[in-house]
Amino acid sequence: MYKELTRVIPTAAAFSCAILGLLSVMADFLLRLGFLMTVSIIYNHWKIGMHESGRPRMAVFGDLL
């Protein structure tokens, strides 16, 4: 039994580490993709709002002065 366990455990440990690393890379990629999509959506809504209001692009900052 000891011989069988010493044969199986390193393989199982390496496989589980590879799966965990793959999940980590996928989570990082999806997080970055989600962040870029969020910024893009907010920017596009702001651009549409500026176009529909007829104001110049930087009118929002002009109101602060």
PDB file of N, CA and C in Angstrom:
ATOM      1  N   MET A   1       0.821  -1.184   0.000  1.00  0.00           N
ATOM      2  CA  MET A   1       0.000   0.000   0.000  1.00  0.00           C
ATOM      3  C   MET A   1       0.873   1.260   0.000  1.00  0.00           C
ATOM      4  N   TYR A   2       1.948   1.256   0.773  1.00  0.00           N
ATOM      5  CA  TYR A   2       2.845   2.405   0.829  1.00  0.00           C
ATOM      6  C   TYR A   2       3.441   2.684  -0.548  1.00  0.00           C
ATOM      7  N   LYS A   3       3.809   1.616  -1.250  1.00  0.00           N
ATOM      8  CA  LYS A   3       4.396   1.774  -2.585  1.00  0.00           C
ATOM      9  C   LYS A   3       3.383   2.394  -3.546  1.00  0.00           C
ATOM     10  N   GLU A   4       2.151   1.977  -3.444  1.00  0.00           N
ATOM     11  CA  GLU A   4       1.091   2.522  -4.302  1.00  0.00           C
ATOM     12  C   GLU A   4       0.842   3.997  -3.995  1.00  0.00           C
ATOM     13  N   LEU A   5       0.807   4.350  -2.705  1.00  0.00           N
ATOM     14  CA  LEU A   5       0.579   5.744  -2.324  1.00  0.00           C
ATOM     15  C   LEU A   5       1.727   6.650  -2.753  1.00  0.00           C
ATOM     16  N   THR A   6       2.971   6.190  -2.621  1.00  0.00           N
ATOM     17  CA  THR A   6       4.111   6.994  -3.053  1.00  0.00           C
ATOM     18  C   THR A   6       4.140   7.172  -4.568  1.00  0.00           C
ATOM     19  N   ARG A   7       3.471   6.318  -5.279  1.00  0.00           N
ATOM     20  CA  ARG A   7       3.389   6.451  -6.734  1.00  0.00           C
ATOM     21  C   ARG A   7       2.270   7.409  -7.131  1.00  0.00           C
ATOM     22  N   VAL A   8       1.160   7.412  -6.412  1.00  0.00           N
ATOM     23  CA  VAL A   8      -0.023   8.169  -6.801  1.00  0.00           C
ATOM     24  C   VAL A   8      -0.014   9.598  -6.268  1.00  0.00           C
ATOM     25  N   ILE A   9       0.472   9.803  -5.052  1.00  0.00           N
ATOM     26  CA  ILE A   9       0.376  11.115  -4.417  1.00  0.00           C
ATOM     27  C   ILE A   9       1.132  12.210  -5.184  1.00  0.00           C
ATOM     28  N   PRO A  10       2.362  12.022  -5.641  1.00  0.00           N
ATOM     29  CA  PRO A  10       3.026  13.097  -6.390  1.00  0.00           C
ATOM     30  C   PRO A  10       2.296  13.461  -7.691  1.00  0.00           C
ATOM     31  N   THR A  11       1.750  12.464  -8.358  1.00  0.00           N
ATOM     32  CA  THR A  11       1.006  12.736  -9.586  1.00  0.00           C
ATOM     33  C   THR A  11      -0.250  13.532  -9.286  1.00  0.00           C
ATOM     34  N   ALA A  12      -0.979  13.150  -8.247  1.00  0.00           N
ATOM     35  CA  ALA A  12      -2.197  13.861  -7.879  1.00  0.00           C
ATOM     36  C   ALA A  12      -1.882  15.288  -7.425  1.00  0.00           C
ATOM     37  N   ALA A  13      -0.787  15.463  -6.687  1.00  0.00           N
ATOM     38  CA  ALA A  13      -0.400  16.795  -6.225  1.00  0.00           C
ATOM     39  C   ALA A  13      -0.015  17.688  -7.398  1.00  0.00           C
ATOM     40  N   ALA A  14       0.733  17.170  -8.347  1.00  0.00           N
ATOM     41  CA  ALA A  14       1.123  17.954  -9.520  1.00  0.00           C
ATOM     42  C   ALA A  14      -0.092  18.321 -10.355  1.00  0.00           C
ATOM     43  N   PHE A  15      -1.004  17.381 -10.531  1.00  0.00           N
ATOM     44  CA  PHE A  15      -2.211  17.645 -11.309  1.00  0.00           C
ATOM     45  C   PHE A  15      -3.077  18.708 -10.632  1.00  0.00           C
ATOM     46  N   SER A  16      -3.227  18.610  -9.311  1.00  0.00           N
ATOM     47  CA  SER A  16      -4.058  19.595  -8.604  1.00  0.00           C
ATOM     48  C   SER A  16      -3.416  20.977  -8.628  1.00  0.00           C
ATOM     49  N   CYS A  17      -2.095  21.044  -8.551  1.00  0.00           N
ATOM     50  CA  CYS A  17      -1.412  22.341  -8.654  1.00  0.00           C
ATOM     51  C   CYS A  17      -1.583  22.946 -10.040  1.00  0.00           C
ATOM     52  N   ALA A  18      -1.523  22.130 -11.069  1.00  0.00           N
ATOM     53  CA  ALA A  18      -1.719  22.629 -12.427  1.00  0.00           C
ATOM     54  C   ALA A  18      -3.138  23.156 -12.614  1.00  0.00           C
ATOM     55  N   ILE A  19      -4.122  22.449 -12.094  1.00  0.00           N
ATOM     56  CA  ILE A  19      -5.513  22.892 -12.200  1.00  0.00           C
ATOM     57  C   ILE A  19      -5.715  24.197 -11.434  1.00  0.00           C
ATOM     58  N   LEU A  20      -5.146  24.297 -10.240  1.00  0.00           N
ATOM     59  CA  LEU A  20      -5.260  25.504  -9.439  1.00  0.00           C
ATOM     60  C   LEU A  20      -4.597  26.696 -10.140  1.00  0.00           C
ATOM     61  N   GLY A  21      -3.442  26.474 -10.739  1.00  0.00           N
ATOM     62  CA  GLY A  21      -2.781  27.534 -11.503  1.00  0.00           C
ATOM     63  C   GLY A  21      -3.597  27.970 -12.692  1.00  0.00           C
ATOM     64  N   LEU A  22      -4.201  27.037 -13.393  1.00  0.00           N
ATOM     65  CA  LEU A  22      -5.047  27.372 -14.532  1.00  0.00           C
ATOM     66  C   LEU A  22      -6.264  28.180 -14.099  1.00  0.00           C
ATOM     67  N   LEU A  23      -6.886  27.797 -13.007  1.00  0.00           N
ATOM     68  CA  LEU A  23      -8.026  28.553 -12.486  1.00  0.00           C
ATOM     69  C   LEU A  23      -7.620  29.963 -12.079  1.00  0.00           C
ATOM     70  N   SER A  24      -6.451  30.095 -11.506  1.00  0.00           N
ATOM     71  CA  SER A  24      -5.958  31.408 -11.098  1.00  0.00           C
ATOM     72  C   SER A  24      -5.725  32.315 -12.305  1.00  0.00           C
ATOM     73  N   VAL A  25      -5.134  31.771 -13.345  1.00  0.00           N
ATOM     74  CA  VAL A  25      -4.892  32.559 -14.566  1.00  0.00           C
ATOM     75  C   VAL A  25      -6.214  32.958 -15.216  1.00  0.00           C
ATOM     76  N   MET A  26      -7.165  32.045 -15.270  1.00  0.00           N
ATOM     77  CA  MET A  26      -8.463  32.349 -15.867  1.00  0.00           C
ATOM     78  C   MET A  26      -9.199  33.422 -15.064  1.00  0.00           C
ATOM     79  N   ALA A  27      -9.145  33.349 -13.734  1.00  0.00           N
ATOM     80  CA  ALA A  27      -9.807  34.341 -12.899  1.00  0.00           C
ATOM     81  C   ALA A  27      -9.182  35.717 -13.097  1.00  0.00           C
ATOM     82  N   ASP A  28      -7.867  35.772 -13.196  1.00  0.00           N
ATOM     83  CA  ASP A  28      -7.185  37.042 -13.418  1.00  0.00           C
ATOM     84  C   ASP A  28      -7.574  37.632 -14.769  1.00  0.00           C
ATOM     85  N   PHE A  29      -7.614  36.797 -15.791  1.00  0.00           N
ATOM     86  CA  PHE A  29      -7.989  37.268 -17.126  1.00  0.00           C
ATOM     87  C   PHE A  29      -9.422  37.780 -17.146  1.00  0.00           C
ATOM     88  N   LEU A  30     -10.341  37.045 -16.534  1.00  0.00           N
ATOM     89  CA  LEU A  30     -11.742  37.461 -16.533  1.00  0.00           C
ATOM     90  C   LEU A  30     -11.947  38.725 -15.716  1.00  0.00           C
ATOM     91  N   LEU A  31     -11.198  38.899 -14.645  1.00  0.00           N
ATOM     92  CA  LEU A  31     -11.306  40.114 -13.849  1.00  0.00           C
ATOM     93  C   LEU A  31     -10.853  41.317 -14.656  1.00  0.00           C
ATOM     94  N   ARG A  32      -9.739  41.173 -15.356  1.00  0.00           N
ATOM     95  CA  ARG A  32      -9.255  42.284 -16.184  1.00  0.00           C
ATOM     96  C   ARG A  32     -10.217  42.570 -17.328  1.00  0.00           C
ATOM     97  N   LEU A  33     -10.748  41.547 -17.939  1.00  0.00           N
ATOM     98  CA  LEU A  33     -11.701  41.729 -19.030  1.00  0.00           C
ATOM     99  C   LEU A  33     -12.957  42.420 -18.526  1.00  0.00           C
ATOM    100  N   GLY A  34     -13.447  42.028 -17.366  1.00  0.00           N
ATOM    101  CA  GLY A  34     -14.625  42.659 -16.788  1.00  0.00           C
ATOM    102  C   GLY A  34     -14.385  44.112 -16.459  1.00  0.00           C
ATOM    103  N   PHE A  35     -13.198  44.443 -15.958  1.00  0.00           N
ATOM    104  CA  PHE A  35     -12.870  45.830 -15.647  1.00  0.00           C
ATOM    105  C   PHE A  35     -12.828  46.669 -16.917  1.00  0.00           C
ATOM    106  N   LEU A  36     -12.218  46.159 -17.968  1.00  0.00           N
ATOM    107  CA  LEU A  36     -12.153  46.900 -19.230  1.00  0.00           C
ATOM    108  C   LEU A  36     -13.543  47.096 -19.830  1.00  0.00           C
ATOM    109  N   MET A  37     -14.392  46.087 -19.730  1.00  0.00           N
ATOM    110  CA  MET A  37     -15.756  46.226 -20.251  1.00  0.00           C
ATOM    111  C   MET A  37     -16.531  47.279 -19.461  1.00  0.00           C
ATOM    112  N   THR A  38     -16.349  47.322 -18.146  1.00  0.00           N
ATOM    113  CA  THR A  38     -17.035  48.308 -17.317  1.00  0.00           C
ATOM    114  C   THR A  38     -16.609  49.715 -17.681  1.00  0.00           C
ATOM    115  N   VAL A  39     -15.326  49.941 -17.815  1.00  0.00           N
ATOM    116  CA  VAL A  39     -14.822  51.266 -18.178  1.00  0.00           C
ATOM    117  C   VAL A  39     -15.323  51.657 -19.562  1.00  0.00           C
ATOM    118  N   SER A  40     -15.331  50.731 -20.487  1.00  0.00           N
ATOM    119  CA  SER A  40     -15.798  51.012 -21.838  1.00  0.00           C
ATOM    120  C   SER A  40     -17.276  51.384 -21.858  1.00  0.00           C
ATOM    121  N   ILE A  41     -18.098  50.678 -21.104  1.00  0.00           N
ATOM    122  CA  ILE A  41     -19.529  50.968 -21.053  1.00  0.00           C
ATOM    123  C   ILE A  41     -19.777  52.341 -20.446  1.00  0.00           C
ATOM    124  N   ILE A  42     -19.089  52.652 -19.343  1.00  0.00           N
ATOM    125  CA  ILE A  42     -19.270  53.965 -18.707  1.00  0.00           C
ATOM    126  C   ILE A  42     -18.834  55.080 -19.647  1.00  0.00           C
ATOM    127  N   TYR A  43     -17.703  54.909 -20.320  1.00  0.00           N
ATOM    128  CA  TYR A  43     -17.228  55.931 -21.253  1.00  0.00           C
ATOM    129  C   TYR A  43     -18.203  56.129 -22.408  1.00  0.00           C
ATOM    130  N   ASN A  44     -18.729  55.038 -22.952  1.00  0.00           N
ATOM    131  CA  ASN A  44     -19.671  55.172 -24.062  1.00  0.00           C
ATOM    132  C   ASN A  44     -20.962  55.867 -23.633  1.00  0.00           C
ATOM    133  N   HIS A  45     -21.456  55.581 -22.430  1.00  0.00           N
ATOM    134  CA  HIS A  45     -22.655  56.275 -21.945  1.00  0.00           C
ATOM    135  C   HIS A  45     -22.373  57.751 -21.741  1.00  0.00           C
ATOM    136  N   TRP A  46     -21.208  58.098 -21.240  1.00  0.00           N
ATOM    137  CA  TRP A  46     -20.849  59.496 -21.060  1.00  0.00           C
ATOM    138  C   TRP A  46     -20.752  60.204 -22.406  1.00  0.00           C
ATOM    139  N   LYS A  47     -20.155  59.536 -23.390  1.00  0.00           N
ATOM    140  CA  LYS A  47     -20.008  60.115 -24.727  1.00  0.00           C
ATOM    141  C   LYS A  47     -21.370  60.332 -25.377  1.00  0.00           C
ATOM    142  N   ILE A  48     -22.278  59.374 -25.248  1.00  0.00           N
ATOM    143  CA  ILE A  48     -23.631  59.521 -25.797  1.00  0.00           C
ATOM    144  C   ILE A  48     -24.356  60.669 -25.110  1.00  0.00           C
ATOM    145  N   GLY A  49     -24.203  60.777 -23.796  1.00  0.00           N
ATOM    146  CA  GLY A  49     -24.838  61.871 -23.060  1.00  0.00           C
ATOM    147  C   GLY A  49     -24.333  63.227 -23.509  1.00  0.00           C
ATOM    148  N   MET A  50     -23.048  63.348 -23.736  1.00  0.00           N
ATOM    149  CA  MET A  50     -22.486  64.614 -24.207  1.00  0.00           C
ATOM    150  C   MET A  50     -22.968  64.935 -25.621  1.00  0.00           C
ATOM    151  N   HIS A  51     -23.098  63.918 -26.442  1.00  0.00           N
ATOM    152  CA  HIS A  51     -23.564  64.135 -27.808  1.00  0.00           C
ATOM    153  C   HIS A  51     -25.033  64.559 -27.828  1.00  0.00           C
ATOM    154  N   GLU A  52     -25.864  63.925 -27.010  1.00  0.00           N
ATOM    155  CA  GLU A  52     -27.287  64.250 -26.991  1.00  0.00           C
ATOM    156  C   GLU A  52     -27.560  65.595 -26.343  1.00  0.00           C
ATOM    157  N   SER A  53     -26.743  66.021 -25.401  1.00  0.00           N
ATOM    158  CA  SER A  53     -26.987  67.300 -24.738  1.00  0.00           C
ATOM    159  C   SER A  53     -26.495  68.476 -25.578  1.00  0.00           C
ATOM    160  N   GLY A  54     -25.675  68.217 -26.577  1.00  0.00           N
ATOM    161  CA  GLY A  54     -25.181  69.273 -27.448  1.00  0.00           C
ATOM    162  C   GLY A  54     -24.059  70.090 -26.832  1.00  0.00           C
ATOM    163  N   ARG A  55     -23.578  69.695 -25.700  1.00  0.00           N
ATOM    164  CA  ARG A  55     -22.494  70.422 -25.043  1.00  0.00           C
ATOM    165  C   ARG A  55     -21.150  69.998 -25.618  1.00  0.00           C
ATOM    166  N   PRO A  56     -20.151  70.840 -25.413  1.00  0.00           N
ATOM    167  CA  PRO A  56     -18.799  70.402 -25.773  1.00  0.00           C
ATOM    168  C   PRO A  56     -18.364  69.243 -24.889  1.00  0.00           C
ATOM    169  N   ARG A  57     -17.344  68.575 -25.285  1.00  0.00           N
ATOM    170  CA  ARG A  57     -16.922  67.359 -24.585  1.00  0.00           C
ATOM    171  C   ARG A  57     -16.516  67.616 -23.143  1.00  0.00           C
ATOM    172  N   MET A  58     -15.898  68.751 -22.850  1.00  0.00           N
ATOM    173  CA  MET A  58     -15.403  69.014 -21.506  1.00  0.00           C
ATOM    174  C   MET A  58     -16.338  69.945 -20.726  1.00  0.00           C
ATOM    175  N   ALA A  59     -17.610  70.015 -21.070  1.00  0.00           N
ATOM    176  CA  ALA A  59     -18.542  70.903 -20.396  1.00  0.00           C
ATOM    177  C   ALA A  59     -18.691  70.564 -18.922  1.00  0.00           C
ATOM    178  N   VAL A  60     -18.549  69.332 -18.578  1.00  0.00           N
ATOM    179  CA  VAL A  60     -18.697  68.911 -17.185  1.00  0.00           C
ATOM    180  C   VAL A  60     -17.648  69.592 -16.315  1.00  0.00           C
ATOM    181  N   PHE A  61     -16.425  69.696 -16.790  1.00  0.00           N
ATOM    182  CA  PHE A  61     -15.370  70.342 -16.022  1.00  0.00           C
ATOM    183  C   PHE A  61     -15.548  71.856 -16.020  1.00  0.00           C
ATOM    184  N   GLY A  62     -16.143  72.418 -17.055  1.00  0.00           N
ATOM    185  CA  GLY A  62     -16.417  73.843 -17.095  1.00  0.00           C
ATOM    186  C   GLY A  62     -17.430  74.270 -16.043  1.00  0.00           C
ATOM    187  N   ASP A  63     -18.363  73.394 -15.691  1.00  0.00           N
ATOM    188  CA  ASP A  63     -19.352  73.716 -14.677  1.00  0.00           C
ATOM    189  C   ASP A  63     -18.715  73.836 -13.301  1.00  0.00           C
ATOM    190  N   LEU A  64     -17.597  73.182 -13.083  1.00  0.00           N
ATOM    191  CA  LEU A  64     -16.948  73.219 -11.779  1.00  0.00           C
ATOM    192  C   LEU A  64     -16.221  74.545 -11.536  1.00  0.00           C
ATOM    193  N   LEU A  65     -15.834  75.238 -12.579  1.00  0.00           N
ATOM    194  CA  LEU A  65     -15.057  76.482 -12.419  1.00  0.00           C
ATOM    195  C   LEU A  65     -15.903  77.657 -12.135  1.00  0.00           C
TER     196      LEU A  65
END
